[in-house]
N, C-alpha and C. Protein backbone atom coordinates (compact mmCIF):
# COMPACT_ATOMS: atom_id res chain seq x y z
N MET A 1 -2.31 -62.19 18.43
CA MET A 1 -2.54 -61.53 17.84
C MET A 1 -3.57 -60.11 17.50
N VAL A 2 -4.41 -60.65 18.50
CA VAL A 2 -5.60 -59.23 18.77
C VAL A 2 -4.93 -58.01 18.79
N ALA A 3 -3.61 -57.72 19.41
CA ALA A 3 -2.86 -56.85 20.01
C ALA A 3 -2.66 -56.13 18.62
N ALA A 4 -1.68 -57.32 17.95
CA ALA A 4 -1.46 -56.52 16.30
C ALA A 4 -2.51 -55.78 15.51
N THR A 5 -3.75 -56.87 15.36
CA THR A 5 -4.76 -56.24 15.05
C THR A 5 -4.93 -54.71 15.10
N ASN A 6 -5.17 -54.43 16.77
CA ASN A 6 -5.47 -53.75 17.35
C ASN A 6 -4.13 -52.45 16.91
N LYS A 7 -3.07 -52.32 16.98
CA LYS A 7 -2.43 -51.43 16.51
C LYS A 7 -2.48 -51.20 15.15
N LYS A 8 -2.89 -52.37 14.52
CA LYS A 8 -3.00 -51.58 12.78
C LYS A 8 -4.19 -50.92 12.80
N TYR A 9 -5.13 -51.18 13.72
CA TYR A 9 -6.34 -50.39 13.19
C TYR A 9 -5.90 -48.90 13.95
N PHE A 10 -5.40 -48.79 14.98
CA PHE A 10 -4.56 -47.44 15.53
C PHE A 10 -3.94 -46.71 14.47
N ARG A 11 -3.29 -47.38 13.81
CA ARG A 11 -2.10 -46.30 13.17
C ARG A 11 -2.84 -46.23 12.12
N TRP A 12 -4.29 -47.19 11.32
CA TRP A 12 -5.10 -46.49 10.36
C TRP A 12 -6.03 -45.43 10.68
N GLY A 13 -6.47 -45.82 12.37
CA GLY A 13 -7.08 -44.41 12.42
C GLY A 13 -5.96 -42.95 12.74
N VAL A 14 -5.00 -43.10 13.32
CA VAL A 14 -4.12 -42.06 13.58
C VAL A 14 -3.69 -41.35 12.09
N PHE A 15 -3.78 -42.22 10.96
CA PHE A 15 -3.43 -41.75 9.63
C PHE A 15 -4.23 -40.47 9.00
N LEU A 16 -5.81 -41.59 9.07
CA LEU A 16 -7.20 -41.42 8.49
C LEU A 16 -7.15 -39.72 9.50
N PHE A 17 -6.80 -39.55 11.25
CA PHE A 17 -7.27 -38.55 11.70
C PHE A 17 -6.44 -37.29 11.29
N GLY A 18 -5.03 -37.66 10.86
CA GLY A 18 -3.68 -36.29 10.53
C GLY A 18 -4.12 -36.33 9.17
N GLY A 19 -4.78 -36.93 8.42
CA GLY A 19 -5.53 -36.74 7.15
C GLY A 19 -5.81 -35.66 7.08
N VAL A 20 -7.43 -36.02 7.29
CA VAL A 20 -8.52 -35.19 7.58
C VAL A 20 -8.17 -33.93 8.23
N ALA A 21 -7.26 -33.69 9.47
CA ALA A 21 -7.23 -32.75 9.93
C ALA A 21 -6.34 -31.52 9.57
N GLY A 22 -4.95 -32.29 8.60
CA GLY A 22 -4.18 -31.38 7.59
C GLY A 22 -4.95 -31.17 6.15
N MET A 23 -6.19 -31.44 5.94
CA MET A 23 -6.69 -30.92 4.61
C MET A 23 -7.42 -29.89 5.33
N LEU A 24 -8.18 -30.11 6.77
CA LEU A 24 -9.19 -29.22 7.40
C LEU A 24 -8.21 -27.75 7.63
N LEU A 25 -6.63 -28.20 7.76
CA LEU A 25 -5.85 -26.78 8.40
C LEU A 25 -5.46 -26.34 6.99
N LEU A 26 -5.24 -26.66 5.80
CA LEU A 26 -5.03 -26.53 4.12
C LEU A 26 -6.18 -25.66 3.96
N ALA A 27 -7.38 -26.32 4.26
CA ALA A 27 -8.24 -25.37 3.59
C ALA A 27 -8.79 -24.06 4.19
N LEU A 28 -8.38 -24.32 6.02
CA LEU A 28 -8.67 -22.63 6.66
C LEU A 28 -7.41 -21.80 6.15
N PHE A 29 -6.07 -22.46 5.52
CA PHE A 29 -4.91 -21.54 5.42
C PHE A 29 -5.48 -20.60 4.15
N LEU A 30 -5.91 -21.55 3.23
CA LEU A 30 -6.32 -21.28 1.65
C LEU A 30 -7.26 -20.06 1.65
N GLY A 31 -8.16 -20.57 2.75
CA GLY A 31 -9.56 -19.55 2.65
C GLY A 31 -8.65 -18.05 3.77
N GLU A 32 -7.92 -18.41 4.59
CA GLU A 32 -7.22 -17.17 4.88
C GLU A 32 -6.55 -16.35 4.02
N LEU A 33 -6.05 -17.21 3.20
CA LEU A 33 -4.90 -16.52 2.16
C LEU A 33 -6.03 -15.99 1.09
N HIS A 34 -7.09 -16.54 0.68
CA HIS A 34 -8.19 -15.79 -0.27
C HIS A 34 -8.86 -14.66 0.14
N TYR A 35 -9.72 -14.61 1.51
CA TYR A 35 -9.45 -13.21 2.44
C TYR A 35 -8.96 -12.18 2.47
N SER A 36 -7.74 -12.82 2.84
CA SER A 36 -6.72 -11.45 3.05
C SER A 36 -6.21 -10.92 1.68
N ALA A 37 -6.85 -11.73 0.70
CA ALA A 37 -6.29 -11.12 -0.72
C ALA A 37 -7.52 -10.66 -1.42
N THR A 38 -8.38 -9.65 -0.83
CA THR A 38 -9.28 -8.64 -1.15
C THR A 38 -9.00 -6.99 -0.76
N GLU A 39 -9.82 -6.62 -1.55
CA GLU A 39 -9.72 -5.42 -1.51
C GLU A 39 -10.63 -4.81 0.12
N LYS A 40 -11.44 -5.35 0.29
CA LYS A 40 -12.38 -5.20 1.54
C LYS A 40 -11.55 -5.46 2.84
N PHE A 41 -10.60 -6.43 2.80
CA PHE A 41 -9.93 -6.82 3.74
C PHE A 41 -8.58 -5.87 3.70
N CYS A 42 -8.31 -5.21 2.56
CA CYS A 42 -6.69 -4.72 2.47
C CYS A 42 -7.54 -3.15 3.31
N ILE A 43 -8.64 -2.22 2.91
CA ILE A 43 -8.93 -1.30 3.67
C ILE A 43 -9.80 -1.30 4.51
N SER A 44 -9.30 -2.50 5.07
CA SER A 44 -10.20 -2.98 7.13
C SER A 44 -9.45 -1.98 7.61
N CYS A 45 -7.92 -1.46 7.23
CA CYS A 45 -7.16 -0.89 8.54
C CYS A 45 -7.73 0.46 7.98
N HIS A 46 -7.85 1.78 9.08
CA HIS A 46 -8.04 2.70 8.95
C HIS A 46 -6.90 3.49 8.42
N GLU A 47 -5.58 2.90 8.24
CA GLU A 47 -4.62 3.68 7.68
C GLU A 47 -4.41 3.44 6.29
N MET A 48 -4.82 2.52 5.87
CA MET A 48 -5.08 2.00 4.64
C MET A 48 -6.41 2.73 3.35
N GLU A 49 -7.46 2.74 4.39
CA GLU A 49 -8.76 3.35 4.15
C GLU A 49 -8.38 5.19 3.72
N ALA A 50 -8.17 5.46 4.91
CA ALA A 50 -7.78 6.94 4.79
C ALA A 50 -6.95 7.70 3.92
N ASN A 51 -5.74 6.76 3.65
CA ASN A 51 -4.75 7.33 3.14
C ASN A 51 -4.42 6.98 1.37
N VAL A 52 -4.12 5.66 1.28
CA VAL A 52 -3.86 5.72 -0.19
C VAL A 52 -5.28 5.15 -0.91
N TYR A 53 -5.99 4.50 0.00
CA TYR A 53 -7.12 3.88 -0.97
C TYR A 53 -7.94 5.41 -1.28
N MET A 54 -7.63 6.39 -0.82
CA MET A 54 -8.47 7.88 -1.15
C MET A 54 -8.30 7.96 -2.72
N GLU A 55 -6.47 8.01 -2.56
CA GLU A 55 -5.74 8.75 -3.71
C GLU A 55 -6.21 7.35 -4.86
N TYR A 56 -6.22 6.22 -4.80
CA TYR A 56 -6.07 5.38 -5.99
C TYR A 56 -7.41 5.41 -6.05
N LYS A 57 -8.38 5.82 -5.66
CA LYS A 57 -9.95 5.89 -6.10
C LYS A 57 -10.11 7.13 -7.29
N GLU A 58 -8.81 8.09 -7.37
CA GLU A 58 -8.75 9.10 -8.05
C GLU A 58 -8.03 8.32 -9.57
N THR A 59 -7.97 7.51 -9.53
CA THR A 59 -6.64 7.37 -10.87
C THR A 59 -7.51 6.43 -11.87
N ALA A 60 -6.77 6.06 -12.68
CA ALA A 60 -7.39 5.46 -14.01
C ALA A 60 -7.20 3.59 -13.50
N HIS A 61 -6.46 3.24 -12.55
CA HIS A 61 -6.48 2.22 -12.17
C HIS A 61 -7.72 1.57 -11.29
N TYR A 62 -8.49 2.86 -10.79
CA TYR A 62 -9.81 2.44 -9.94
C TYR A 62 -10.81 2.94 -10.98
N ILE A 63 -11.23 3.69 -12.04
CA ILE A 63 -12.10 4.07 -12.87
C ILE A 63 -11.63 4.38 -14.02
N ASN A 64 -12.06 3.69 -15.10
CA ASN A 64 -11.51 4.46 -16.57
C ASN A 64 -12.53 4.39 -17.54
N LYS A 65 -12.13 4.47 -18.78
CA LYS A 65 -13.18 4.38 -19.55
C LYS A 65 -13.42 2.69 -20.44
N SER A 66 -12.57 2.43 -20.05
CA SER A 66 -12.73 0.93 -20.38
C SER A 66 -13.43 -0.73 -19.25
N GLY A 67 -13.40 0.29 -18.26
CA GLY A 67 -14.60 -0.58 -17.07
C GLY A 67 -13.37 -1.08 -16.50
N VAL A 68 -11.93 -1.54 -16.70
CA VAL A 68 -11.47 -2.61 -15.90
C VAL A 68 -10.66 -1.69 -14.94
N ARG A 69 -10.92 -2.48 -13.77
CA ARG A 69 -10.45 -2.14 -12.59
C ARG A 69 -9.17 -3.00 -11.55
N ALA A 70 -8.06 -2.71 -11.56
CA ALA A 70 -7.25 -3.18 -10.89
C ALA A 70 -7.58 -2.77 -9.22
N THR A 71 -6.99 -3.82 -8.64
CA THR A 71 -7.18 -4.01 -6.77
C THR A 71 -6.04 -3.90 -6.13
N CYS A 72 -6.25 -3.24 -5.04
CA CYS A 72 -5.13 -3.50 -4.31
C CYS A 72 -4.38 -4.81 -4.84
N THR A 73 -4.98 -6.02 -4.41
CA THR A 73 -3.93 -7.11 -4.99
C THR A 73 -3.36 -7.63 -5.78
N ASP A 74 -3.82 -6.78 -6.84
CA ASP A 74 -3.82 -7.00 -8.40
C ASP A 74 -1.95 -6.30 -8.75
N CYS A 75 -2.27 -5.46 -7.85
CA CYS A 75 -0.63 -4.44 -7.83
C CYS A 75 0.25 -4.84 -7.02
N HIS A 76 -0.23 -5.58 -5.77
CA HIS A 76 0.51 -5.52 -4.48
C HIS A 76 0.91 -7.21 -4.15
N LEU A 77 0.18 -7.91 -5.00
CA LEU A 77 0.35 -9.34 -4.21
C LEU A 77 0.32 -10.37 -5.69
N SER A 78 1.35 -11.11 -5.29
CA SER A 78 1.51 -12.02 -7.12
C SER A 78 0.39 -13.14 -7.08
N GLN A 79 0.31 -13.34 -7.89
CA GLN A 79 -0.75 -14.87 -8.45
C GLN A 79 0.02 -16.10 -8.23
N ASN A 80 1.12 -16.00 -7.85
CA ASN A 80 1.53 -17.46 -7.68
C ASN A 80 1.70 -17.60 -6.17
N LEU A 81 0.98 -18.86 -5.73
CA LEU A 81 1.15 -19.43 -4.30
C LEU A 81 1.91 -18.96 -3.57
N ILE A 82 3.10 -19.34 -4.02
CA ILE A 82 4.35 -19.41 -3.00
C ILE A 82 4.89 -18.34 -2.74
N GLU A 83 5.19 -16.78 -3.59
CA GLU A 83 5.37 -15.50 -3.79
C GLU A 83 4.36 -15.20 -2.49
N LYS A 84 3.02 -15.37 -2.86
CA LYS A 84 1.97 -14.96 -2.20
C LYS A 84 2.27 -14.92 -1.05
N VAL A 85 2.30 -16.34 -0.33
CA VAL A 85 2.50 -16.57 0.78
C VAL A 85 3.66 -15.66 1.32
N GLY A 86 4.97 -15.78 0.54
CA GLY A 86 6.20 -14.89 1.19
C GLY A 86 5.95 -13.72 1.19
N ARG A 87 4.46 -13.00 0.80
CA ARG A 87 4.14 -11.50 1.18
C ARG A 87 3.59 -11.31 1.79
N LYS A 88 2.60 -12.71 2.33
CA LYS A 88 1.55 -12.74 3.45
C LYS A 88 2.77 -12.59 5.05
N VAL A 89 3.91 -13.27 4.62
CA VAL A 89 4.72 -13.40 5.66
C VAL A 89 5.14 -12.14 6.37
N LYS A 90 5.57 -11.23 5.39
CA LYS A 90 6.28 -10.11 5.26
C LYS A 90 5.25 -9.22 5.85
N ALA A 91 3.90 -9.48 5.76
CA ALA A 91 2.55 -8.55 6.01
C ALA A 91 2.40 -8.71 7.81
N ALA A 92 3.15 -9.29 8.15
CA ALA A 92 2.84 -9.75 9.24
C ALA A 92 3.52 -8.58 10.40
N ARG A 93 4.64 -7.83 9.71
CA ARG A 93 5.34 -6.87 9.75
C ARG A 93 4.26 -5.44 9.93
N GLU A 94 3.58 -5.90 8.84
CA GLU A 94 2.44 -4.06 8.67
C GLU A 94 1.43 -4.51 9.55
N VAL A 95 1.20 -5.63 10.27
CA VAL A 95 0.30 -5.81 10.97
C VAL A 95 0.88 -5.42 12.33
N PHE A 96 2.32 -5.85 12.88
CA PHE A 96 2.17 -5.44 13.99
C PHE A 96 2.21 -3.54 13.98
N HIS A 97 2.93 -3.04 12.72
CA HIS A 97 3.01 -1.66 13.11
C HIS A 97 1.72 -1.08 13.15
N HIS A 98 0.57 -1.83 12.66
CA HIS A 98 -0.92 -1.19 13.04
C HIS A 98 -1.08 -1.16 13.84
N PHE A 99 -1.00 -2.39 14.70
CA PHE A 99 -1.18 -2.23 16.39
C PHE A 99 -0.08 -1.50 17.01
N LYS A 100 1.07 -1.57 16.47
CA LYS A 100 1.76 0.03 17.28
C LYS A 100 1.20 1.03 17.22
N GLY A 101 0.38 1.33 16.25
CA GLY A 101 0.40 2.84 15.27
C GLY A 101 1.05 3.74 15.21
N THR A 102 2.02 2.96 14.24
CA THR A 102 3.30 3.55 13.62
C THR A 102 2.79 4.63 12.60
N ILE A 103 1.09 4.70 11.37
CA ILE A 103 0.99 5.51 10.74
C ILE A 103 -0.43 5.35 10.99
N ASN A 104 -0.87 5.61 11.85
CA ASN A 104 -2.49 5.93 12.26
C ASN A 104 -3.06 7.49 12.28
N THR A 105 -2.09 7.88 11.94
CA THR A 105 -3.06 9.35 11.84
C THR A 105 -2.09 10.11 10.61
N ARG A 106 -2.97 11.12 9.66
CA ARG A 106 -2.40 11.34 8.56
C ARG A 106 -1.16 12.23 8.47
N GLU A 107 -0.66 12.87 9.85
CA GLU A 107 1.01 13.22 9.93
C GLU A 107 1.99 12.30 9.84
N LYS A 108 1.43 11.15 10.69
CA LYS A 108 2.35 9.97 10.71
C LYS A 108 2.68 9.47 9.37
N PHE A 109 1.33 9.15 8.94
CA PHE A 109 1.57 8.49 7.21
C PHE A 109 2.52 8.98 6.53
N LEU A 110 2.36 10.33 5.97
CA LEU A 110 3.12 11.74 5.49
C LEU A 110 4.34 11.70 5.85
N ASP A 111 4.80 11.27 7.28
CA ASP A 111 6.46 11.38 7.76
C ASP A 111 6.61 9.83 7.09
N LYS A 112 6.41 9.13 7.14
CA LYS A 112 6.50 7.86 6.54
C LYS A 112 6.03 7.56 5.01
N ARG A 113 6.00 8.23 4.70
CA ARG A 113 5.56 7.64 3.18
C ARG A 113 6.58 7.63 2.22
N LEU A 114 7.64 8.08 2.08
CA LEU A 114 8.41 8.14 1.57
C LEU A 114 8.85 6.94 1.68
N VAL A 115 9.66 6.42 2.72
CA VAL A 115 10.43 4.99 3.28
C VAL A 115 9.41 4.00 2.92
N LEU A 116 7.75 4.05 3.04
CA LEU A 116 7.06 3.38 2.79
C LEU A 116 7.17 3.26 0.84
N ALA A 117 6.97 3.94 0.49
CA ALA A 117 7.07 4.06 -1.07
C ALA A 117 8.33 3.03 -1.38
N GLU A 118 9.42 3.40 -1.23
CA GLU A 118 10.55 3.20 -1.60
C GLU A 118 10.77 1.81 -1.28
N SER A 119 9.89 1.03 -0.49
CA SER A 119 10.08 -0.37 -0.03
C SER A 119 9.04 -1.03 -1.08
N VAL A 120 7.98 -0.20 -1.39
CA VAL A 120 7.35 -0.78 -2.73
C VAL A 120 8.05 -1.13 -3.74
N TRP A 121 8.78 -0.15 -4.12
CA TRP A 121 9.42 0.38 -5.10
C TRP A 121 10.44 -0.68 -5.31
N ALA A 122 11.35 -0.56 -4.37
CA ALA A 122 12.40 -1.85 -4.54
C ALA A 122 11.94 -3.63 -4.68
N GLU A 123 10.81 -3.63 -3.86
CA GLU A 123 10.33 -5.10 -3.86
C GLU A 123 9.64 -4.94 -5.81
N MET A 124 9.43 -3.78 -6.22
CA MET A 124 8.93 -4.13 -7.46
C MET A 124 10.08 -3.78 -8.52
N ARG A 125 11.12 -2.99 -8.36
CA ARG A 125 12.40 -3.16 -9.25
C ARG A 125 12.99 -5.00 -9.40
N ALA A 126 12.88 -5.32 -8.16
CA ALA A 126 13.31 -6.76 -7.70
C ALA A 126 12.67 -7.97 -8.14
N ASN A 127 11.44 -7.52 -8.45
CA ASN A 127 10.88 -8.81 -9.00
C ASN A 127 10.01 -8.32 -10.85
N ASP A 128 11.13 -7.14 -11.09
CA ASP A 128 10.27 -6.57 -12.48
C ASP A 128 9.30 -6.33 -12.83
N SER A 129 8.60 -5.38 -11.80
CA SER A 129 7.11 -5.19 -11.78
C SER A 129 6.01 -6.26 -12.47
N ARG A 130 6.21 -7.27 -11.44
CA ARG A 130 5.48 -8.49 -12.12
C ARG A 130 4.27 -8.39 -11.99
N GLU A 131 3.66 -8.03 -11.18
CA GLU A 131 2.17 -7.56 -11.07
C GLU A 131 2.01 -6.53 -12.16
N CYS A 132 2.90 -5.62 -12.17
CA CYS A 132 2.13 -4.26 -13.26
C CYS A 132 1.81 -5.49 -14.95
N ARG A 133 2.70 -6.41 -15.26
CA ARG A 133 3.36 -7.26 -16.33
C ARG A 133 1.92 -8.33 -16.24
N THR A 134 1.29 -8.74 -15.33
CA THR A 134 0.10 -9.19 -15.69
C THR A 134 -0.89 -8.81 -16.44
N CYS A 135 -1.22 -7.33 -16.39
CA CYS A 135 -2.14 -6.73 -16.92
C CYS A 135 -1.36 -5.80 -18.31
N HIS A 136 -0.62 -5.68 -17.90
CA HIS A 136 0.16 -4.60 -19.01
C HIS A 136 1.36 -5.14 -20.00
N SER A 137 1.56 -5.74 -21.03
CA SER A 137 2.38 -6.52 -21.59
C SER A 137 2.96 -5.55 -22.38
N ALA A 138 4.33 -5.52 -22.38
CA ALA A 138 5.24 -4.38 -23.41
C ALA A 138 4.82 -5.14 -24.91
N ALA A 139 4.97 -7.00 -25.34
CA ALA A 139 4.98 -7.27 -26.31
C ALA A 139 3.28 -7.37 -27.09
N ASN A 140 2.34 -6.33 -26.25
CA ASN A 140 1.27 -6.08 -27.11
C ASN A 140 1.06 -4.89 -27.09
N MET A 141 1.82 -3.86 -26.56
CA MET A 141 2.02 -2.43 -26.89
C MET A 141 1.86 -2.13 -28.08
N ASP A 142 0.90 -1.28 -28.52
CA ASP A 142 0.97 -0.77 -30.35
C ASP A 142 1.71 0.47 -29.61
N TYR A 143 2.92 0.85 -29.89
CA TYR A 143 3.50 2.00 -29.73
C TYR A 143 2.62 3.25 -30.80
N THR A 144 2.33 2.72 -31.64
CA THR A 144 1.91 3.70 -32.77
C THR A 144 0.14 4.39 -32.28
N LYS A 145 -0.17 3.81 -31.51
CA LYS A 145 -1.50 4.51 -30.71
C LYS A 145 -1.36 5.54 -29.34
N GLN A 146 0.44 5.49 -29.12
CA GLN A 146 0.47 6.08 -28.12
C GLN A 146 1.44 7.66 -28.84
N SER A 147 1.00 8.45 -27.34
CA SER A 147 1.97 9.62 -27.73
C SER A 147 3.54 9.78 -28.32
N ARG A 148 3.99 10.21 -28.92
CA ARG A 148 5.38 10.51 -29.12
C ARG A 148 5.97 9.90 -28.16
N ARG A 149 6.19 10.97 -27.33
CA ARG A 149 6.93 10.99 -26.16
C ARG A 149 6.53 9.69 -25.51
N ALA A 150 5.56 9.11 -25.10
CA ALA A 150 5.47 7.92 -24.39
C ALA A 150 5.73 6.44 -25.35
N MET A 151 5.88 6.37 -26.91
CA MET A 151 6.64 5.84 -27.68
C MET A 151 7.85 5.63 -27.15
N GLU A 152 8.19 6.74 -27.28
CA GLU A 152 9.86 6.81 -27.44
C GLU A 152 10.69 6.86 -26.08
N GLN A 153 9.63 6.71 -25.00
CA GLN A 153 10.36 6.64 -23.31
C GLN A 153 10.11 5.08 -23.28
N HIS A 154 8.53 4.73 -24.18
CA HIS A 154 8.74 2.83 -23.75
C HIS A 154 9.74 2.21 -24.71
N ILE A 155 9.68 2.67 -25.86
CA ILE A 155 10.88 2.16 -26.54
C ILE A 155 12.27 1.89 -26.03
N ARG A 156 12.59 3.08 -25.40
CA ARG A 156 14.06 3.44 -24.89
C ARG A 156 13.96 2.55 -23.53
N GLY A 157 12.90 2.43 -22.81
CA GLY A 157 12.81 1.34 -21.55
C GLY A 157 12.98 0.39 -21.82
N ASP A 158 12.19 -0.22 -22.98
CA ASP A 158 12.24 -1.71 -23.57
C ASP A 158 14.21 -1.57 -23.84
N ASP A 159 15.13 -1.25 -24.29
CA ASP A 159 15.68 -1.06 -25.06
C ASP A 159 16.78 -1.24 -24.11
N GLU A 160 16.64 -0.42 -22.68
CA GLU A 160 17.64 -0.35 -21.40
C GLU A 160 17.17 -1.46 -20.50
N LYS A 161 16.00 -2.10 -20.84
CA LYS A 161 15.55 -3.34 -20.10
C LYS A 161 15.12 -2.72 -18.40
N LYS A 162 14.28 -1.45 -18.62
CA LYS A 162 13.84 -1.11 -17.38
C LYS A 162 12.86 -1.73 -16.64
N THR A 163 12.38 -1.82 -15.87
CA THR A 163 11.12 -2.26 -15.38
C THR A 163 10.05 -1.20 -15.08
N CYS A 164 8.58 -1.42 -14.96
CA CYS A 164 8.21 -0.32 -14.88
C CYS A 164 8.30 0.85 -13.79
N ILE A 165 8.00 -0.02 -13.41
CA ILE A 165 8.29 1.56 -11.94
C ILE A 165 9.56 2.53 -11.81
N GLU A 166 10.05 2.05 -12.98
CA GLU A 166 11.64 3.09 -12.81
C GLU A 166 11.42 4.80 -13.42
N CYS A 167 9.51 4.07 -13.98
CA CYS A 167 9.20 5.16 -14.90
C CYS A 167 7.56 5.98 -14.37
N HIS A 168 6.98 4.81 -14.19
CA HIS A 168 5.95 4.84 -13.34
C HIS A 168 5.69 5.14 -11.93
N LYS A 169 6.12 6.19 -11.02
CA LYS A 169 5.91 6.00 -9.84
C LYS A 169 4.99 7.13 -9.91
N GLY A 170 3.96 6.77 -8.87
CA GLY A 170 2.83 8.05 -8.50
C GLY A 170 1.60 7.69 -9.91
N ILE A 171 1.40 6.24 -10.14
CA ILE A 171 0.17 5.94 -10.81
C ILE A 171 -0.86 5.70 -10.38
N ALA A 172 -0.84 4.59 -9.42
CA ALA A 172 -1.66 4.86 -8.32
C ALA A 172 -2.26 5.34 -7.33
N HIS A 173 -1.37 6.01 -6.50
CA HIS A 173 -0.82 6.61 -5.62
C HIS A 173 -0.36 7.85 -5.64
N ARG A 174 -0.26 8.85 -4.52
CA ARG A 174 0.45 9.97 -4.91
C ARG A 174 1.80 10.05 -4.48
N LEU A 175 2.50 10.55 -4.76
CA LEU A 175 3.92 10.40 -4.67
C LEU A 175 4.46 11.52 -3.25
N PRO A 176 5.71 10.88 -2.86
CA PRO A 176 5.75 11.21 -1.30
C PRO A 176 6.83 12.35 -1.80
N ASN A 177 6.97 13.13 -0.56
CA ASN A 177 7.64 14.18 -0.71
C ASN A 177 8.83 13.44 -1.13
N MET A 178 9.63 13.92 -2.03
CA MET A 178 10.97 13.12 -2.86
C MET A 178 11.77 14.14 -2.71
N GLN A 179 11.97 15.42 -2.04
CA GLN A 179 12.98 16.11 -1.89
C GLN A 179 14.30 15.66 -0.95
N THR A 180 14.22 14.91 -0.28
CA THR A 180 15.21 14.59 0.21
C THR A 180 16.07 13.64 -0.47
N ILE A 181 15.36 12.93 -1.10
CA ILE A 181 16.10 12.01 -2.31
C ILE A 181 16.92 12.89 -3.43
N ASP A 182 15.88 13.99 -3.66
CA ASP A 182 16.07 14.90 -5.15
C ASP A 182 15.65 16.20 -4.52
N PRO A 183 16.28 17.16 -4.79
CA PRO A 183 15.74 18.47 -3.98
C PRO A 183 15.55 19.21 -4.64
N SER A 184 15.09 18.97 -6.26
CA SER A 184 14.59 19.88 -7.46
C SER A 184 12.93 19.08 -7.57
N ALA A 185 12.92 18.01 -6.93
CA ALA A 185 11.51 17.35 -6.74
C ALA A 185 10.66 18.40 -6.50
N VAL A 186 9.31 17.98 -6.89
CA VAL A 186 8.07 18.86 -6.91
C VAL A 186 7.28 17.92 -5.54
N LEU A 187 7.04 18.84 -4.63
CA LEU A 187 6.37 18.49 -3.38
C LEU A 187 5.38 17.79 -3.29
N GLY A 188 5.30 16.52 -2.95
CA GLY A 188 4.10 15.77 -2.64
C GLY A 188 3.37 15.20 -1.49
N ASN A 189 1.97 14.76 -1.78
CA ASN A 189 1.27 15.19 -0.72
C ASN A 189 0.92 14.03 -0.04
């Protein structure tokens, strides 16, 4: 009888310990997920701060008449928890390349820039520019307040089911050298 009671308490102790440990691990995971989704974290790598962050600071996504600012994670990280975790798993490759020194100089960054940009563009095409659409809603656009050219392009894009990134490359960062994929392209930097 005593052995059965001790076994019962032991099981409850293991269950309780497991529950507390699980909650602590979940809290640590969510805390890390939150911290690593901050602009401060994003630019903690020299590669990001010295290259794309400097360019971003010169765009309307950083400073504008409305005072609304999109941060790195607004454009590059889904708000959906499952998609966010998936993107963080992919980021492990970026951490590897950080320590490997793949783009630790401006020259190395510029050499890889087109490959990096194409990867982001492909991801944005695949998810229908999901992060753009968290702030920019085609349904809420007043085409009559746009320039004639912009209005025509947006209407055509809507009709053709285009996604934002198909037309809006180089909005928050400079374009890479596109001449390898389009010889008539103007040089990026």
